[in-house]
Amino acid sequence: MIRPSSSSFQQPHPRVRLLVLTCATVAFGGILASAQAITIDTKSGAARGNGTVDRRYAQIQPTNVPLDKSTLDAKTRTELIRLLQAEQGFAMRPFPMGHKGLTLEANGKLTPAGEPYLDMVTANGICAKPGDRVVLTDVKFDRSKIIFELNGGPDLKHRFLRHVQIGMGGGRTNPVVQDTGEQATGARLTLEFKGHIPELTGSQVKALLAPLISFDVKTPIQAFTDTLPPKLKEAILDHNVMVGMSTDMVLFAMGQPIRKVREVDGQMPFEEWIYGAPPAPVEFVRINGNRVIRVEIAKVGESPRIFTKDEVEGMMRTDGTPLVAENPHTRTVKMGDVTRDPDKEAPAPPPTLSAPGEKLPDSPAQNGAGAMKPVQFPKQKPDDYPDVEAARRADQAKAAEAADAQKAGETTSGSPATTSGSGAPSSPATTPPPDSTQPN
């Protein structure tokens, strides 16, 4: 073991250490922000980010085509060009535009795959969707590669000559090649071999390209459904619409709708596709963007059936690898901003300063953080009148009773006879007449 001497090893400057710690913190924070979930294999201890993407951008299943060890000769090369050039097939994966294109190893993997594949399509645009017809417009041979240009290729012809003009005597110049202003919308696919290109037949080349291009004779709906999972393929062939389907899937399953209605629900615009007319069942397919978000089936004499749960997303998404059975030794750990499903997961408790299980002195109840108690309203007293109109009516009634009592008292005081305490009427008081015998 070699130890550095005290003279050769020096402590880093405090500013240097602060810079290193800051860079490490930023890098670690970037790692946490980029991966929202990590899949950990509890048996091997391996961990990887989930990187969930559409399964159409996932890694392919490698082919197993037997290849010869001899090198391709000029005669076979000419036969392959004559056989493959202008050949038509159906795209099994999205083909992005751009100069680089996709690279497929013979009996190997596809490059790029997963998130880089999706990023390439997003940045350059798409040349052909799964199920679209593609044409091999050009075939080129390199040392260990066969390069296929699809739908005209990603590069314009005469890219340099269209910028060259020829003229004489300072007069009008004419371009060598007219520039029509059109842009290239094709794609490029490279079939790569190890070391050299072996002796091949046309059927072997088509078998190697089978994960990306199907050269079988198919109808458009067969070519499109062959790129989908079996359950989704069966639903389209049975003319059923599921929530989460794309508009292309709906058109292949049901055809063009009888009527389209555009409406707005709150701040969300949507389009309603209507299929059928009474007395036959009527199907209302609600589409937002490019996805079905609601399906309603109405039959005469029955209550409408409404479907809003997405059933397609789980079948169309994967983690960038071929779909295989789930490994029982793996589990997913969520990180960062975790979204909870309200139908399956309870909401997170609110933040609190108390420790788990801690009992506060002013809270005798042993409810956990976030537990809600029933709301207790104060009991209303008989003389409470929360209603202003009821209180006004009550005041008017009391005033009327007081007025009636006052009138009754005045009537009693003005009568000729009063009632004594014993109940018998008392006679009025009389004064004796003057005595005539008495002297005046």
Protein backbone atom coordinates (compact mmCIF):
# COMPACT_ATOMS: atom_id res chain seq x y z
CA MET A 1 0.00 0.00 0.00
CA ILE A 2 1.43 3.35 -1.04
CA ARG A 3 0.75 6.34 1.15
CA PRO A 4 1.39 9.90 -0.05
CA SER A 5 4.06 11.73 1.86
CA SER A 6 3.22 14.81 3.87
CA SER A 7 5.36 16.92 1.55
CA SER A 8 3.64 15.78 -1.66
CA PHE A 9 0.04 15.78 -0.35
CA GLN A 10 -1.54 19.13 0.40
CA GLN A 11 -4.98 20.00 1.66
CA PRO A 12 -7.16 21.71 -0.98
CA HIS A 13 -7.96 25.36 -0.63
CA PRO A 14 -11.26 26.07 1.23
CA ARG A 15 -12.69 27.76 -1.88
CA VAL A 16 -11.81 24.70 -3.96
CA ARG A 17 -13.53 22.41 -1.47
CA LEU A 18 -16.63 24.63 -1.48
CA LEU A 19 -16.72 24.53 -5.30
CA VAL A 20 -16.41 20.73 -5.35
CA LEU A 21 -19.19 20.30 -2.79
CA THR A 22 -21.45 22.69 -4.71
CA CYS A 23 -20.90 20.81 -8.00
CA ALA A 24 -21.56 17.48 -6.29
CA THR A 25 -24.77 18.81 -4.76
CA VAL A 26 -26.00 20.17 -8.10
CA ALA A 27 -25.15 16.93 -9.88
CA PHE A 28 -26.91 14.82 -7.25
CA GLY A 29 -29.94 17.10 -7.37
CA GLY A 30 -30.03 16.77 -11.16
CA ILE A 31 -30.00 12.99 -10.85
CA LEU A 32 -32.93 13.05 -8.44
CA ALA A 33 -34.85 15.48 -10.62
CA SER A 34 -34.34 13.47 -13.80
CA ALA A 35 -35.56 10.12 -12.47
CA GLN A 36 -38.97 9.97 -10.88
CA ALA A 37 -38.76 6.27 -10.06
CA ILE A 38 -35.98 3.75 -9.57
CA THR A 39 -36.47 0.00 -10.05
CA ILE A 40 -34.33 -2.02 -7.63
CA ASP A 41 -33.63 -5.71 -8.06
CA THR A 42 -33.66 -7.03 -4.48
CA LYS A 43 -31.82 -10.18 -5.55
CA SER A 44 -28.92 -8.67 -7.51
CA GLY A 45 -29.03 -5.14 -6.10
CA ALA A 46 -29.11 -3.55 -9.54
CA ALA A 47 -31.01 -0.28 -9.89
CA ARG A 48 -32.20 1.56 -12.98
CA GLY A 49 -34.56 4.44 -13.80
CA ASN A 50 -37.89 3.43 -15.23
CA GLY A 51 -37.78 5.79 -18.28
CA THR A 52 -41.26 4.74 -19.30
CA VAL A 53 -41.89 5.34 -23.02
CA ASP A 54 -44.33 4.17 -25.63
CA ARG A 55 -43.69 0.55 -26.54
CA ARG A 56 -43.38 1.54 -30.20
CA TYR A 57 -40.10 3.25 -29.24
CA ALA A 58 -38.86 0.36 -27.09
CA GLN A 59 -35.95 -1.93 -27.88
CA ILE A 60 -36.70 -4.62 -30.46
CA GLN A 61 -36.50 -8.37 -30.05
CA PRO A 62 -33.32 -9.42 -31.95
CA THR A 63 -33.75 -11.65 -34.99
CA ASN A 64 -32.01 -14.98 -35.50
CA VAL A 65 -31.17 -15.22 -39.20
CA PRO A 66 -28.29 -17.58 -40.13
CA LEU A 67 -25.58 -15.67 -41.97
CA ASP A 68 -22.73 -16.90 -44.17
CA LYS A 69 -19.11 -16.10 -43.26
CA SER A 70 -18.05 -15.35 -46.83
CA THR A 71 -17.85 -11.79 -48.11
CA LEU A 72 -20.46 -10.31 -50.44
CA ASP A 73 -19.30 -10.26 -54.06
CA ALA A 74 -20.16 -7.78 -56.81
CA LYS A 75 -22.68 -10.06 -58.56
CA THR A 76 -24.72 -10.66 -55.42
CA ARG A 77 -24.58 -6.93 -54.62
CA THR A 78 -26.07 -6.10 -58.02
CA GLU A 79 -28.82 -8.69 -57.55
CA LEU A 80 -29.69 -7.27 -54.14
CA ILE A 81 -29.93 -3.73 -55.54
CA ARG A 82 -32.18 -4.93 -58.37
CA LEU A 83 -34.37 -6.88 -55.96
CA LEU A 84 -34.66 -4.36 -53.09
CA GLN A 85 -34.74 -1.01 -54.86
CA ALA A 86 -38.34 0.33 -55.18
CA GLU A 87 -39.57 -2.51 -52.92
CA GLN A 88 -42.58 -1.59 -50.78
CA GLY A 89 -43.41 -2.62 -47.23
CA PHE A 90 -45.21 -1.52 -44.09
CA ALA A 91 -43.54 0.32 -41.22
CA MET A 92 -43.62 -1.60 -37.94
CA ARG A 93 -42.05 1.28 -35.94
CA PRO A 94 -42.06 5.08 -36.35
CA PHE A 95 -39.37 6.25 -38.78
CA PRO A 96 -37.91 9.67 -37.92
CA MET A 97 -36.71 12.15 -40.49
CA GLY A 98 -33.15 13.44 -40.32
CA HIS A 99 -29.74 12.70 -41.75
CA LYS A 100 -28.67 10.18 -39.09
CA GLY A 101 -31.70 7.89 -39.03
CA LEU A 102 -31.99 4.51 -37.32
CA THR A 103 -29.24 1.89 -37.11
CA LEU A 104 -30.11 -1.81 -36.87
CA GLU A 105 -27.48 -4.39 -36.04
CA ALA A 106 -27.84 -7.69 -37.92
CA ASN A 107 -29.41 -10.10 -35.41
CA GLY A 108 -28.88 -7.40 -32.78
CA LYS A 109 -30.33 -4.29 -31.21
CA LEU A 110 -31.75 -1.04 -32.54
CA THR A 111 -29.96 2.27 -32.04
CA PRO A 112 -31.33 4.52 -30.66
CA ALA A 113 -34.04 2.98 -28.48
CA GLY A 114 -36.23 4.21 -25.64
CA GLU A 115 -36.00 7.90 -24.72
CA PRO A 116 -33.33 8.79 -27.37
CA TYR A 117 -35.55 7.23 -30.05
CA LEU A 118 -38.51 9.33 -28.89
CA ASP A 119 -36.33 12.45 -28.71
CA MET A 120 -35.17 11.91 -32.31
CA VAL A 121 -38.76 11.65 -33.56
CA THR A 122 -39.75 14.72 -31.55
CA ALA A 123 -36.83 16.81 -32.83
CA ASN A 124 -36.81 15.80 -36.51
CA GLY A 125 -40.42 14.88 -37.16
CA ILE A 126 -41.89 11.58 -38.31
CA CYS A 127 -41.60 10.15 -41.81
CA ALA A 128 -43.85 7.09 -41.45
CA LYS A 129 -46.08 5.92 -38.63
CA PRO A 130 -46.57 2.23 -37.73
CA GLY A 131 -48.76 0.69 -40.42
CA ASP A 132 -47.86 3.25 -43.12
CA ARG A 133 -46.53 2.10 -46.46
CA VAL A 134 -42.83 2.83 -47.11
CA VAL A 135 -40.76 2.54 -50.29
CA LEU A 136 -37.05 1.66 -50.51
CA THR A 137 -36.08 4.38 -52.96
CA ASP A 138 -32.34 3.74 -52.82
CA VAL A 139 -29.96 1.03 -51.58
CA LYS A 140 -26.26 1.76 -50.93
CA PHE A 141 -23.48 -0.59 -49.79
CA ASP A 142 -20.62 0.41 -47.51
CA ARG A 143 -17.84 -1.76 -46.06
CA SER A 144 -19.97 -3.26 -43.30
CA LYS A 145 -23.28 -1.46 -43.83
CA ILE A 146 -26.28 -1.45 -46.12
CA ILE A 147 -27.98 1.96 -46.18
CA PHE A 148 -31.63 2.19 -47.19
CA GLU A 149 -33.29 5.45 -48.21
CA LEU A 150 -37.01 5.42 -47.40
CA ASN A 151 -39.60 7.59 -49.17
CA GLY A 152 -36.97 9.63 -50.97
CA GLY A 153 -34.46 9.82 -48.16
CA PRO A 154 -33.79 12.55 -45.59
CA ASP A 155 -31.54 14.66 -47.86
CA LEU A 156 -32.51 16.74 -50.88
CA LYS A 157 -30.99 15.80 -54.20
CA HIS A 158 -28.55 18.29 -55.70
CA ARG A 159 -28.19 20.08 -52.38
CA PHE A 160 -25.17 22.02 -53.65
CA LEU A 161 -26.03 22.42 -57.34
CA ARG A 162 -29.25 24.26 -56.53
CA HIS A 163 -27.08 27.03 -55.04
CA VAL A 164 -24.93 27.36 -58.20
CA GLN A 165 -25.91 29.77 -61.01
CA ILE A 166 -24.27 30.30 -64.42
CA GLY A 167 -24.42 33.51 -66.49
CA MET A 168 -22.41 35.63 -68.92
CA GLY A 169 -21.65 39.33 -69.20
CA GLY A 170 -23.29 40.37 -65.97
CA GLY A 171 -26.69 39.51 -67.34
CA ARG A 172 -29.30 37.17 -65.94
CA THR A 173 -27.97 33.98 -64.42
CA ASN A 174 -29.74 30.66 -64.45
CA PRO A 175 -29.47 28.10 -61.65
CA VAL A 176 -28.02 24.74 -62.54
CA VAL A 177 -30.87 22.98 -60.73
CA GLN A 178 -34.20 24.64 -60.08
CA ASP A 179 -35.10 24.99 -56.42
CA THR A 180 -38.76 24.11 -55.97
CA GLY A 181 -38.73 24.90 -52.25
CA GLU A 182 -39.77 21.38 -51.27
CA GLN A 183 -38.26 19.82 -48.17
CA ALA A 184 -37.07 16.24 -47.82
CA THR A 185 -39.51 14.13 -45.79
CA GLY A 186 -37.86 10.71 -46.09
CA ALA A 187 -35.94 8.58 -43.60
CA ARG A 188 -32.73 6.56 -43.47
CA LEU A 189 -32.20 3.05 -42.14
CA THR A 190 -28.74 1.50 -41.76
CA LEU A 191 -28.28 -2.27 -41.50
CA GLU A 192 -24.90 -2.86 -39.84
CA PHE A 193 -22.84 -6.07 -39.83
CA LYS A 194 -19.76 -7.07 -37.87
CA GLY A 195 -16.56 -6.71 -39.89
CA HIS A 196 -17.97 -7.14 -43.40
CA ILE A 197 -21.19 -7.75 -45.32
CA PRO A 198 -21.70 -11.51 -45.77
CA GLU A 199 -23.28 -13.28 -48.72
CA LEU A 200 -27.01 -12.51 -48.55
CA THR A 201 -30.18 -13.21 -50.39
CA GLY A 202 -33.15 -10.90 -50.71
CA SER A 203 -35.22 -12.97 -48.29
CA GLN A 204 -32.46 -12.83 -45.68
CA VAL A 205 -32.28 -9.03 -45.89
CA LYS A 206 -36.06 -8.78 -45.51
CA ALA A 207 -35.92 -11.13 -42.50
CA LEU A 208 -33.25 -8.94 -40.87
CA LEU A 209 -35.42 -5.84 -41.44
CA ALA A 210 -38.60 -7.56 -40.22
CA PRO A 211 -38.67 -5.83 -36.78
CA LEU A 212 -38.85 -2.45 -38.56
CA ILE A 213 -40.36 -3.16 -42.01
CA SER A 214 -42.78 -5.91 -42.96
CA PHE A 215 -42.65 -6.96 -46.62
CA ASP A 216 -45.61 -9.35 -46.38
CA VAL A 217 -48.76 -8.79 -48.44
CA LYS A 218 -51.29 -7.17 -46.09
CA THR A 219 -54.25 -4.88 -46.05
CA PRO A 220 -53.78 -1.46 -44.37
CA ILE A 221 -55.74 -2.52 -41.29
CA GLN A 222 -53.69 -5.73 -40.97
CA ALA A 223 -50.46 -3.79 -41.28
CA PHE A 224 -51.59 -1.33 -38.61
CA THR A 225 -52.97 -3.87 -36.10
CA ASP A 226 -49.87 -6.06 -36.37
CA THR A 227 -47.94 -3.29 -34.60
CA LEU A 228 -50.30 -3.32 -31.57
CA PRO A 229 -50.68 -5.58 -28.51
CA PRO A 230 -52.99 -8.60 -29.00
CA LYS A 231 -55.82 -7.25 -26.83
CA LEU A 232 -55.84 -3.89 -28.61
CA LYS A 233 -55.62 -5.60 -32.00
CA GLU A 234 -58.64 -7.77 -31.14
CA ALA A 235 -60.65 -4.71 -30.04
CA ILE A 236 -59.98 -2.91 -33.34
CA LEU A 237 -60.84 -5.95 -35.45
CA ASP A 238 -64.08 -6.36 -33.43
CA HIS A 239 -64.93 -2.67 -34.09
CA ASN A 240 -64.78 -1.68 -30.42
CA VAL A 241 -63.51 1.68 -29.13
CA MET A 242 -61.59 1.85 -25.85
CA VAL A 243 -60.68 4.89 -23.77
CA GLY A 244 -57.08 5.86 -24.52
CA MET A 245 -57.13 4.93 -28.22
CA SER A 246 -55.68 7.31 -30.78
CA THR A 247 -57.71 8.76 -33.61
CA ASP A 248 -56.02 6.38 -36.06
CA MET A 249 -57.15 3.41 -33.97
CA VAL A 250 -60.71 4.74 -33.87
CA LEU A 251 -60.76 5.23 -37.64
CA PHE A 252 -59.49 1.70 -38.26
CA ALA A 253 -62.03 0.29 -35.77
CA MET A 254 -65.16 2.31 -36.66
CA GLY A 255 -64.39 4.24 -39.83
CA GLN A 256 -65.40 7.85 -40.41
CA PRO A 257 -68.09 9.12 -37.99
CA ILE A 258 -71.54 10.20 -39.15
CA ARG A 259 -71.15 13.56 -37.47
CA LYS A 260 -68.51 15.53 -35.53
CA VAL A 261 -69.38 18.11 -32.86
CA ARG A 262 -66.87 20.47 -31.28
CA GLU A 263 -67.61 21.69 -27.75
CA VAL A 264 -65.84 23.01 -24.66
CA ASP A 265 -66.12 21.48 -21.20
CA GLY A 266 -64.93 24.18 -18.79
CA GLN A 267 -61.58 25.15 -20.33
CA MET A 268 -61.01 21.85 -22.15
CA PRO A 269 -61.98 21.74 -25.85
CA PHE A 270 -63.00 18.37 -27.20
CA GLU A 271 -64.54 16.79 -30.28
CA GLU A 272 -67.45 14.36 -30.16
CA TRP A 273 -67.52 11.67 -32.86
CA ILE A 274 -71.00 10.18 -33.27
CA TYR A 275 -71.55 6.72 -34.75
CA GLY A 276 -74.96 5.20 -35.48
CA ALA A 277 -78.53 6.51 -35.41
CA PRO A 278 -81.68 5.40 -33.50
CA PRO A 279 -83.19 2.84 -33.21
CA ALA A 280 -79.72 1.29 -33.59
CA PRO A 281 -77.20 1.84 -30.76
CA VAL A 282 -75.51 5.24 -30.87
CA GLU A 283 -71.88 5.58 -29.79
CA PHE A 284 -70.43 8.93 -28.69
CA VAL A 285 -66.61 9.03 -28.77
CA ARG A 286 -65.11 12.08 -27.06
CA ILE A 287 -61.62 13.03 -28.24
CA ASN A 288 -59.22 15.55 -26.71
CA GLY A 289 -56.11 16.20 -28.77
CA ASN A 290 -55.36 12.80 -30.30
CA ARG A 291 -56.77 10.52 -27.59
CA VAL A 292 -60.17 9.15 -26.64
CA ILE A 293 -61.12 10.38 -23.16
CA ARG A 294 -64.75 9.21 -22.95
CA VAL A 295 -67.00 6.65 -24.64
CA GLU A 296 -70.79 6.62 -24.24
CA ILE A 297 -73.00 3.91 -25.73
CA ALA A 298 -76.75 4.64 -25.82
CA LYS A 299 -79.32 1.96 -26.66
CA VAL A 300 -83.06 2.40 -26.98
CA GLY A 301 -84.82 1.48 -23.73
CA GLU A 302 -81.59 1.16 -21.72
CA SER A 303 -79.53 3.50 -19.59
CA PRO A 304 -76.42 4.86 -21.35
CA ARG A 305 -73.15 3.15 -20.54
CA ILE A 306 -70.24 5.55 -19.98
CA PHE A 307 -66.54 4.57 -19.96
CA THR A 308 -63.87 7.02 -18.76
CA LYS A 309 -61.04 4.77 -17.48
CA ASP A 310 -57.96 4.62 -19.72
CA GLU A 311 -57.39 0.99 -20.76
CA VAL A 312 -54.86 1.54 -23.54
CA GLU A 313 -52.04 3.42 -21.81
CA GLY A 314 -50.91 0.39 -19.80
CA MET A 315 -50.73 -1.74 -22.96
CA MET A 316 -48.83 0.86 -25.01
CA ARG A 317 -46.14 1.81 -22.48
CA THR A 318 -43.04 -0.01 -21.34
CA ASP A 319 -39.66 0.76 -19.76
CA GLY A 320 -37.64 0.75 -22.99
CA THR A 321 -37.02 -3.03 -23.04
CA PRO A 322 -39.00 -5.87 -24.66
CA LEU A 323 -42.19 -6.78 -22.85
CA VAL A 324 -41.40 -9.71 -20.57
CA ALA A 325 -42.96 -11.21 -17.47
CA GLU A 326 -42.49 -9.13 -14.36
CA ASN A 327 -39.55 -10.18 -12.18
CA PRO A 328 -40.77 -11.01 -8.64
CA HIS A 329 -37.46 -9.72 -7.20
CA THR A 330 -37.96 -6.14 -8.40
CA ARG A 331 -39.82 -3.32 -6.75
CA THR A 332 -40.27 0.33 -7.72
CA VAL A 333 -39.29 3.18 -5.40
CA LYS A 334 -40.94 6.52 -6.20
CA MET A 335 -38.89 9.68 -5.86
CA GLY A 336 -39.42 13.38 -6.41
CA ASP A 337 -42.91 14.74 -7.03
CA VAL A 338 -45.02 11.62 -6.52
CA THR A 339 -48.56 11.70 -7.89
CA ARG A 340 -51.16 9.71 -5.97
CA ASP A 341 -54.15 7.94 -7.45
CA PRO A 342 -57.19 9.09 -5.38
CA ASP A 343 -59.02 5.86 -6.24
CA LYS A 344 -56.25 3.60 -4.92
CA GLU A 345 -54.04 5.61 -2.54
CA ALA A 346 -54.87 7.65 0.54
CA PRO A 347 -53.86 11.33 0.56
CA ALA A 348 -50.63 12.27 2.31
CA PRO A 349 -51.05 13.66 5.85
CA PRO A 350 -50.52 17.41 6.28
CA PRO A 351 -47.12 18.59 7.59
CA THR A 352 -46.77 18.69 11.37
CA LEU A 353 -44.08 19.55 13.91
CA SER A 354 -45.05 16.74 16.28
CA ALA A 355 -43.20 13.43 16.24
CA PRO A 356 -45.04 10.27 15.12
CA GLY A 357 -47.19 9.04 18.02
CA GLU A 358 -46.52 12.14 20.14
CA LYS A 359 -49.44 13.26 22.37
CA LEU A 360 -49.86 16.98 22.73
CA PRO A 361 -50.91 18.28 26.19
CA ASP A 362 -53.79 20.38 24.85
CA SER A 363 -55.11 17.61 22.61
CA PRO A 364 -56.37 14.65 24.63
CA ALA A 365 -57.69 12.94 21.53
CA GLN A 366 -55.34 10.29 20.13
CA ASN A 367 -56.15 10.89 16.51
CA GLY A 368 -53.23 10.75 14.07
CA ALA A 369 -52.02 13.63 11.97
CA GLY A 370 -54.57 14.54 9.38
CA ALA A 371 -57.50 12.82 11.10
CA MET A 372 -60.72 14.84 10.93
CA LYS A 373 -63.32 15.08 13.66
CA PRO A 374 -67.05 15.57 13.16
CA VAL A 375 -68.12 19.21 13.05
CA GLN A 376 -70.27 20.23 16.02
CA PHE A 377 -72.68 23.09 15.48
CA PRO A 378 -74.07 25.11 18.50
CA LYS A 379 -77.62 24.24 19.48
CA GLN A 380 -80.19 26.88 18.65
CA LYS A 381 -82.08 28.38 21.58
CA PRO A 382 -85.87 28.88 21.46
CA ASP A 383 -85.55 32.68 21.56
CA ASP A 384 -82.96 32.84 18.79
CA TYR A 385 -84.23 34.20 15.52
CA PRO A 386 -81.52 33.92 12.93
CA ASP A 387 -84.08 34.90 10.33
CA VAL A 388 -84.60 38.68 10.13
CA GLU A 389 -88.08 38.33 8.68
CA ALA A 390 -89.10 35.94 11.45
CA ALA A 391 -87.79 38.38 14.06
CA ARG A 392 -89.70 41.26 12.45
CA ARG A 393 -92.89 39.23 12.42
CA ALA A 394 -92.39 38.33 16.06
CA ASP A 395 -91.93 41.99 16.99
CA GLN A 396 -95.09 42.91 15.09
CA ALA A 397 -97.03 40.17 16.89
CA LYS A 398 -95.86 41.41 20.30
CA ALA A 399 -96.82 44.97 19.39
CA ALA A 400 -100.27 43.80 18.29
CA GLU A 401 -100.76 41.88 21.54
CA ALA A 402 -99.77 44.96 23.56
CA ALA A 403 -102.23 47.13 21.59
CA ASP A 404 -105.06 44.64 22.12
CA ALA A 405 -104.33 44.52 25.85
CA GLN A 406 -104.36 48.31 26.05
CA LYS A 407 -107.73 48.51 24.28
CA ALA A 408 -109.18 45.90 26.60
CA GLY A 409 -108.04 47.90 29.65
CA GLU A 410 -109.67 51.12 28.43
CA THR A 411 -113.00 49.37 27.80
CA THR A 412 -113.04 47.87 31.30
CA SER A 413 -112.37 51.22 33.04
CA GLY A 414 -115.30 52.96 31.23
CA SER A 415 -118.08 50.39 32.20
CA PRO A 416 -120.85 51.41 34.96
CA ALA A 417 -120.21 48.39 37.09
CA THR A 418 -117.05 46.88 38.36
CA THR A 419 -116.49 43.53 39.72
CA SER A 420 -115.51 43.10 43.37
CA GLY A 421 -113.03 40.75 44.65
CA SER A 422 -115.75 38.22 45.68
CA GLY A 423 -117.22 38.08 42.23
CA ALA A 424 -120.57 39.80 43.10
CA PRO A 425 -121.34 43.11 41.44
CA SER A 426 -120.94 46.04 43.80
CA SER A 427 -123.76 48.67 44.04
CA PRO A 428 -122.96 52.29 43.31
CA ALA A 429 -122.38 54.56 46.32
CA THR A 430 -125.46 56.82 47.20
CA THR A 431 -125.66 59.95 49.31
CA PRO A 432 -128.65 60.47 51.76
CA PRO A 433 -131.16 63.20 50.85
CA PRO A 434 -131.06 66.35 52.97
CA ASP A 435 -133.26 66.35 56.23
CA SER A 436 -136.18 68.65 55.81
CA THR A 437 -136.46 69.17 59.57
CA GLN A 438 -133.11 70.63 59.89
CA PRO A 439 -132.92 74.37 59.66
CA ASN A 440 -131.31 75.88 56.64
